[in-house]
Amino acid sequence: MSRAPDRTAKFVLHPVVLRAWTERIVVPRRGHVNPRRIAPSRAPFRAAAAVALCGLLAGCAGTGAADGGPDGGDNRFISGDGNVTEYKAAQRKSLADVTGERLDGGSVKLADLRGKVVVVNFWASWCAPCRGEAPSLQHVYDGKKAQGVEFLGVNFKDSKPNAQAFERKFKVTYPSLFDADGRVTLAFREVPPSAIPSTLVLDRQGRVAARIIGATTYTKLDPLVGKVLAEK
């Protein structure tokens, strides 16, 4: 009997890229926060970041990648293990200008949110881990929005109807940028979201204070947001 094809696509970094990444960031054990970074020459890291992000864009662009929908059986995603990296204030990177179209119409400019702590989540309706983390993200948003925290989703390589159906199903109330061609995601290349899903926590100066590669949970994300919120 012939075997059924494996529908789960996984992205594997080239060894040269992986080495450049691990020289730059101390990889934490699963479930542990990593507050330290190693800072050699920036050139290898930037090259690795660009290659990794291009791999993310290419890996999610397979035929029909936007057709799974929130109730589909398509589990294509670039896997992350949920590890957290925190960045000390002196090491944080500012982001390029990020602007785009919202799923519900209108536009968003990330620079307009300066002065607030911002959580940016990269997601797609075809991504099974994104469905799993959606309630946790909304829970953190509900608890922190009164304190001035903003949430912004980036809907990656998706179709607009499927993305809107995802938001209705999971009762997502914060806005998302529609990033069908990946250009919005590329604007985050200084600290790239190298998996779908990924989450960035930005400080009040618009710099990346923390990054989660892979699905997050309430108990993981809420303390991170609280810590950045408490900064003066």
Protein backbone atom coordinates (compact mmCIF):
# COMPACT_ATOMS: atom_id res chain seq x y z
CA MET A 1 0.00 0.00 0.00
CA SER A 2 1.24 3.47 -0.79
CA ARG A 3 1.80 5.81 2.11
CA ALA A 4 -0.20 9.01 2.44
CA PRO A 5 1.92 12.11 1.77
CA ASP A 6 3.13 14.11 4.76
CA ARG A 7 1.28 17.43 4.56
CA THR A 8 3.33 19.14 7.28
CA ALA A 9 6.13 21.25 5.82
CA LYS A 10 9.03 22.05 8.12
CA PHE A 11 11.80 24.55 7.52
CA VAL A 12 15.38 23.58 8.36
CA LEU A 13 18.11 26.21 8.50
CA HIS A 14 21.29 25.65 6.50
CA PRO A 15 24.20 24.81 8.89
CA VAL A 16 26.02 28.07 8.03
CA VAL A 17 22.90 30.07 8.87
CA LEU A 18 22.30 28.09 12.05
CA ARG A 19 25.87 28.68 13.20
CA ALA A 20 25.57 32.42 12.64
CA TRP A 21 22.34 32.47 14.65
CA THR A 22 23.73 30.49 17.57
CA GLU A 23 26.86 32.66 17.72
CA ARG A 24 24.61 35.68 18.16
CA ILE A 25 21.99 34.37 20.57
CA VAL A 26 22.44 32.04 23.53
CA VAL A 27 19.73 29.44 22.95
CA PRO A 28 17.77 28.76 26.16
CA ARG A 29 16.47 25.44 27.36
CA ARG A 30 12.81 24.78 26.60
CA GLY A 31 10.60 26.79 28.94
CA HIS A 32 13.41 29.05 30.18
CA VAL A 33 13.80 32.77 29.49
CA ASN A 34 17.13 33.79 27.98
CA PRO A 35 18.22 37.25 29.18
CA ARG A 36 21.73 37.12 27.66
CA ARG A 37 23.06 37.69 24.19
CA ILE A 38 26.50 37.35 22.67
CA ALA A 39 27.52 40.29 20.51
CA PRO A 40 30.25 39.49 17.95
CA SER A 41 30.38 41.20 14.55
CA ARG A 42 26.89 42.10 13.33
CA ALA A 43 27.56 41.19 9.71
CA PRO A 44 27.15 37.37 10.06
CA PHE A 45 24.00 37.84 12.15
CA ARG A 46 22.39 40.23 9.69
CA ALA A 47 23.18 37.90 6.80
CA ALA A 48 21.76 34.96 8.73
CA ALA A 49 18.67 36.91 9.69
CA ALA A 50 18.04 37.82 6.08
CA VAL A 51 18.47 34.22 4.92
CA ALA A 52 16.29 32.86 7.72
CA LEU A 53 13.54 35.38 7.02
CA CYS A 54 13.70 34.68 3.29
CA GLY A 55 13.39 30.99 4.14
CA LEU A 56 10.31 31.78 6.22
CA LEU A 57 8.77 33.70 3.32
CA ALA A 58 9.56 30.95 0.83
CA GLY A 59 8.61 28.10 3.14
CA CYS A 60 5.10 29.40 3.65
CA ALA A 61 4.48 30.22 0.01
CA GLY A 62 3.66 26.73 -1.20
CA THR A 63 0.77 26.10 -3.54
CA GLY A 64 -2.51 26.65 -1.75
CA ALA A 65 -0.92 27.92 1.44
CA ALA A 66 -3.68 30.44 1.86
CA ASP A 67 -6.50 27.98 1.28
CA GLY A 68 -6.50 26.01 4.53
CA GLY A 69 -8.78 28.37 6.42
CA PRO A 70 -9.45 28.31 10.16
CA ASP A 71 -11.29 25.00 9.93
CA GLY A 72 -9.12 23.35 7.28
CA GLY A 73 -6.84 20.39 7.77
CA ASP A 74 -3.74 22.11 6.45
CA ASN A 75 -1.04 22.14 9.12
CA ARG A 76 1.73 23.75 7.05
CA PHE A 77 3.90 25.96 9.20
CA ILE A 78 7.52 26.66 9.99
CA SER A 79 7.96 25.15 13.40
CA GLY A 80 9.24 27.01 16.45
CA ASP A 81 9.59 25.62 19.95
CA GLY A 82 8.22 28.56 21.93
CA ASN A 83 11.60 29.70 23.27
CA VAL A 84 11.83 33.22 24.65
CA THR A 85 14.69 35.70 24.23
CA GLU A 86 14.72 38.90 26.26
CA TYR A 87 16.89 41.86 25.26
CA LYS A 88 18.45 44.30 27.71
CA ALA A 89 17.65 47.95 27.01
CA ALA A 90 21.14 48.73 25.69
CA GLN A 91 20.96 45.83 23.23
CA ARG A 92 17.51 46.47 21.79
CA LYS A 93 17.02 47.19 18.11
CA SER A 94 14.67 49.73 16.64
CA LEU A 95 12.47 48.61 13.78
CA ALA A 96 12.15 50.03 10.29
CA ASP A 97 9.00 51.94 9.43
CA VAL A 98 6.15 49.43 9.40
CA THR A 99 2.86 50.33 7.81
CA GLY A 100 0.14 48.37 6.10
CA GLU A 101 -3.51 47.67 5.44
CA ARG A 102 -5.69 46.36 8.24
CA LEU A 103 -7.82 43.27 7.72
CA ASP A 104 -10.88 45.32 8.63
CA GLY A 105 -9.94 48.28 6.41
CA GLY A 106 -7.89 51.41 6.99
CA SER A 107 -4.17 51.43 7.67
CA VAL A 108 -1.79 51.15 10.59
CA LYS A 109 1.59 52.80 11.09
CA LEU A 110 3.61 51.19 13.87
CA ALA A 111 5.41 54.45 14.62
CA ASP A 112 2.09 55.95 15.73
CA LEU A 113 2.13 53.56 18.70
CA ARG A 114 5.41 54.87 20.13
CA GLY A 115 5.05 55.63 23.81
CA LYS A 116 3.11 52.42 24.40
CA VAL A 117 4.14 48.82 24.94
CA VAL A 118 3.15 46.91 21.81
CA VAL A 119 2.75 43.17 21.24
CA VAL A 120 3.14 42.10 17.60
CA ASN A 121 1.97 38.60 16.73
CA PHE A 122 2.66 36.92 13.38
CA TRP A 123 -0.06 34.43 12.47
CA ALA A 124 -2.04 32.75 9.69
CA SER A 125 -5.37 30.98 9.49
CA TRP A 126 -3.71 27.88 7.98
CA CYS A 127 -1.32 27.55 10.94
CA ALA A 128 -2.50 25.05 13.58
CA PRO A 129 -0.32 26.47 16.43
CA CYS A 130 -1.77 29.92 15.68
CA ARG A 131 -5.23 28.56 16.41
CA GLY A 132 -3.96 27.10 19.66
CA GLU A 133 -2.44 30.34 20.93
CA ALA A 134 -5.22 32.72 19.80
CA PRO A 135 -7.25 32.54 23.05
CA SER A 136 -4.12 33.21 25.14
CA LEU A 137 -3.22 36.28 23.09
CA GLN A 138 -6.73 37.66 23.46
CA HIS A 139 -6.64 36.93 27.21
CA VAL A 140 -3.41 38.91 27.65
CA TYR A 141 -4.80 41.76 25.55
CA ASP A 142 -8.01 41.91 27.58
CA GLY A 143 -6.00 42.12 30.80
CA LYS A 144 -3.44 44.68 29.65
CA LYS A 145 -5.25 47.06 27.28
CA ALA A 146 -6.52 49.23 30.16
CA GLN A 147 -2.86 49.79 31.10
CA GLY A 148 -2.10 51.19 27.65
CA VAL A 149 -0.75 48.05 25.97
CA GLU A 150 -1.48 47.72 22.26
CA PHE A 151 -1.67 44.49 20.28
CA LEU A 152 -1.10 44.24 16.53
CA GLY A 153 -1.36 41.07 14.48
CA VAL A 154 0.45 40.47 11.20
CA ASN A 155 -1.55 38.05 9.07
CA PHE A 156 1.07 36.27 6.97
CA LYS A 157 0.67 34.67 3.49
CA ASP A 158 -3.06 34.22 3.89
CA SER A 159 -6.31 35.02 2.11
CA LYS A 160 -8.38 37.84 3.54
CA PRO A 161 -11.64 35.83 3.85
CA ASN A 162 -9.89 33.01 5.73
CA ALA A 163 -8.11 35.47 8.01
CA GLN A 164 -11.34 37.31 8.79
CA ALA A 165 -13.08 34.00 9.52
CA PHE A 166 -10.23 33.13 11.92
CA GLU A 167 -10.74 36.41 13.80
CA ARG A 168 -14.47 35.82 14.08
CA LYS A 169 -14.04 32.24 15.28
CA PHE A 170 -11.52 33.12 17.99
CA LYS A 171 -13.14 36.48 18.85
CA VAL A 172 -9.96 38.46 18.19
CA THR A 173 -10.66 42.13 18.98
CA TYR A 174 -7.27 43.74 18.28
CA PRO A 175 -6.32 44.75 14.71
CA SER A 176 -4.13 42.85 12.26
CA LEU A 177 -2.18 43.93 9.21
CA PHE A 178 -2.88 41.93 6.06
CA ASP A 179 0.51 40.72 4.80
CA ALA A 180 -0.36 38.57 1.78
CA ASP A 181 3.01 39.07 0.07
CA GLY A 182 5.26 39.08 3.16
CA ARG A 183 6.48 42.67 2.80
CA VAL A 184 5.31 43.72 6.26
CA THR A 185 7.11 40.77 7.85
CA LEU A 186 10.33 41.70 6.02
CA ALA A 187 10.26 45.09 7.76
CA PHE A 188 11.00 43.23 11.02
CA ARG A 189 14.27 41.75 9.69
CA GLU A 190 16.44 43.36 12.42
CA VAL A 191 14.87 40.92 14.91
CA PRO A 192 13.12 38.52 12.56
CA PRO A 193 10.06 36.45 13.43
CA SER A 194 11.62 33.27 12.08
CA ALA A 195 8.61 31.02 12.61
CA ILE A 196 4.86 31.18 12.26
CA PRO A 197 3.61 31.93 14.84
CA SER A 198 6.06 34.33 16.48
CA THR A 199 5.49 37.19 18.90
CA LEU A 200 7.49 40.35 19.59
CA VAL A 201 7.11 42.64 22.61
CA LEU A 202 8.12 46.24 21.86
CA ASP A 203 9.05 48.77 24.51
CA ARG A 204 7.79 52.36 24.59
CA GLN A 205 10.61 53.45 22.26
CA GLY A 206 9.49 50.96 19.62
CA ARG A 207 12.42 48.59 20.21
CA VAL A 208 12.17 44.81 20.49
CA ALA A 209 12.35 43.89 24.18
CA ALA A 210 11.42 40.21 23.85
CA ARG A 211 10.80 37.61 21.16
CA ILE A 212 8.94 34.30 21.26
CA ILE A 213 9.64 31.89 18.39
CA GLY A 214 6.68 29.54 18.10
CA ALA A 215 3.33 29.43 19.87
CA THR A 216 2.94 31.30 23.14
CA THR A 217 0.71 30.89 26.19
CA TYR A 218 -0.86 33.24 28.71
CA THR A 219 1.61 32.25 31.44
CA LYS A 220 4.54 32.92 29.13
CA LEU A 221 3.42 36.15 27.46
CA ASP A 222 1.65 37.98 30.28
CA PRO A 223 4.74 38.28 32.56
CA LEU A 224 6.88 39.44 29.62
CA VAL A 225 4.42 42.22 28.79
CA GLY A 226 4.16 43.15 32.48
CA LYS A 227 7.93 43.40 32.79
CA VAL A 228 8.25 45.77 29.81
CA LEU A 229 5.24 47.74 31.03
CA ALA A 230 6.96 48.28 34.37
CA GLU A 231 10.02 49.88 32.75
CA LYS A 232 10.46 53.61 33.30
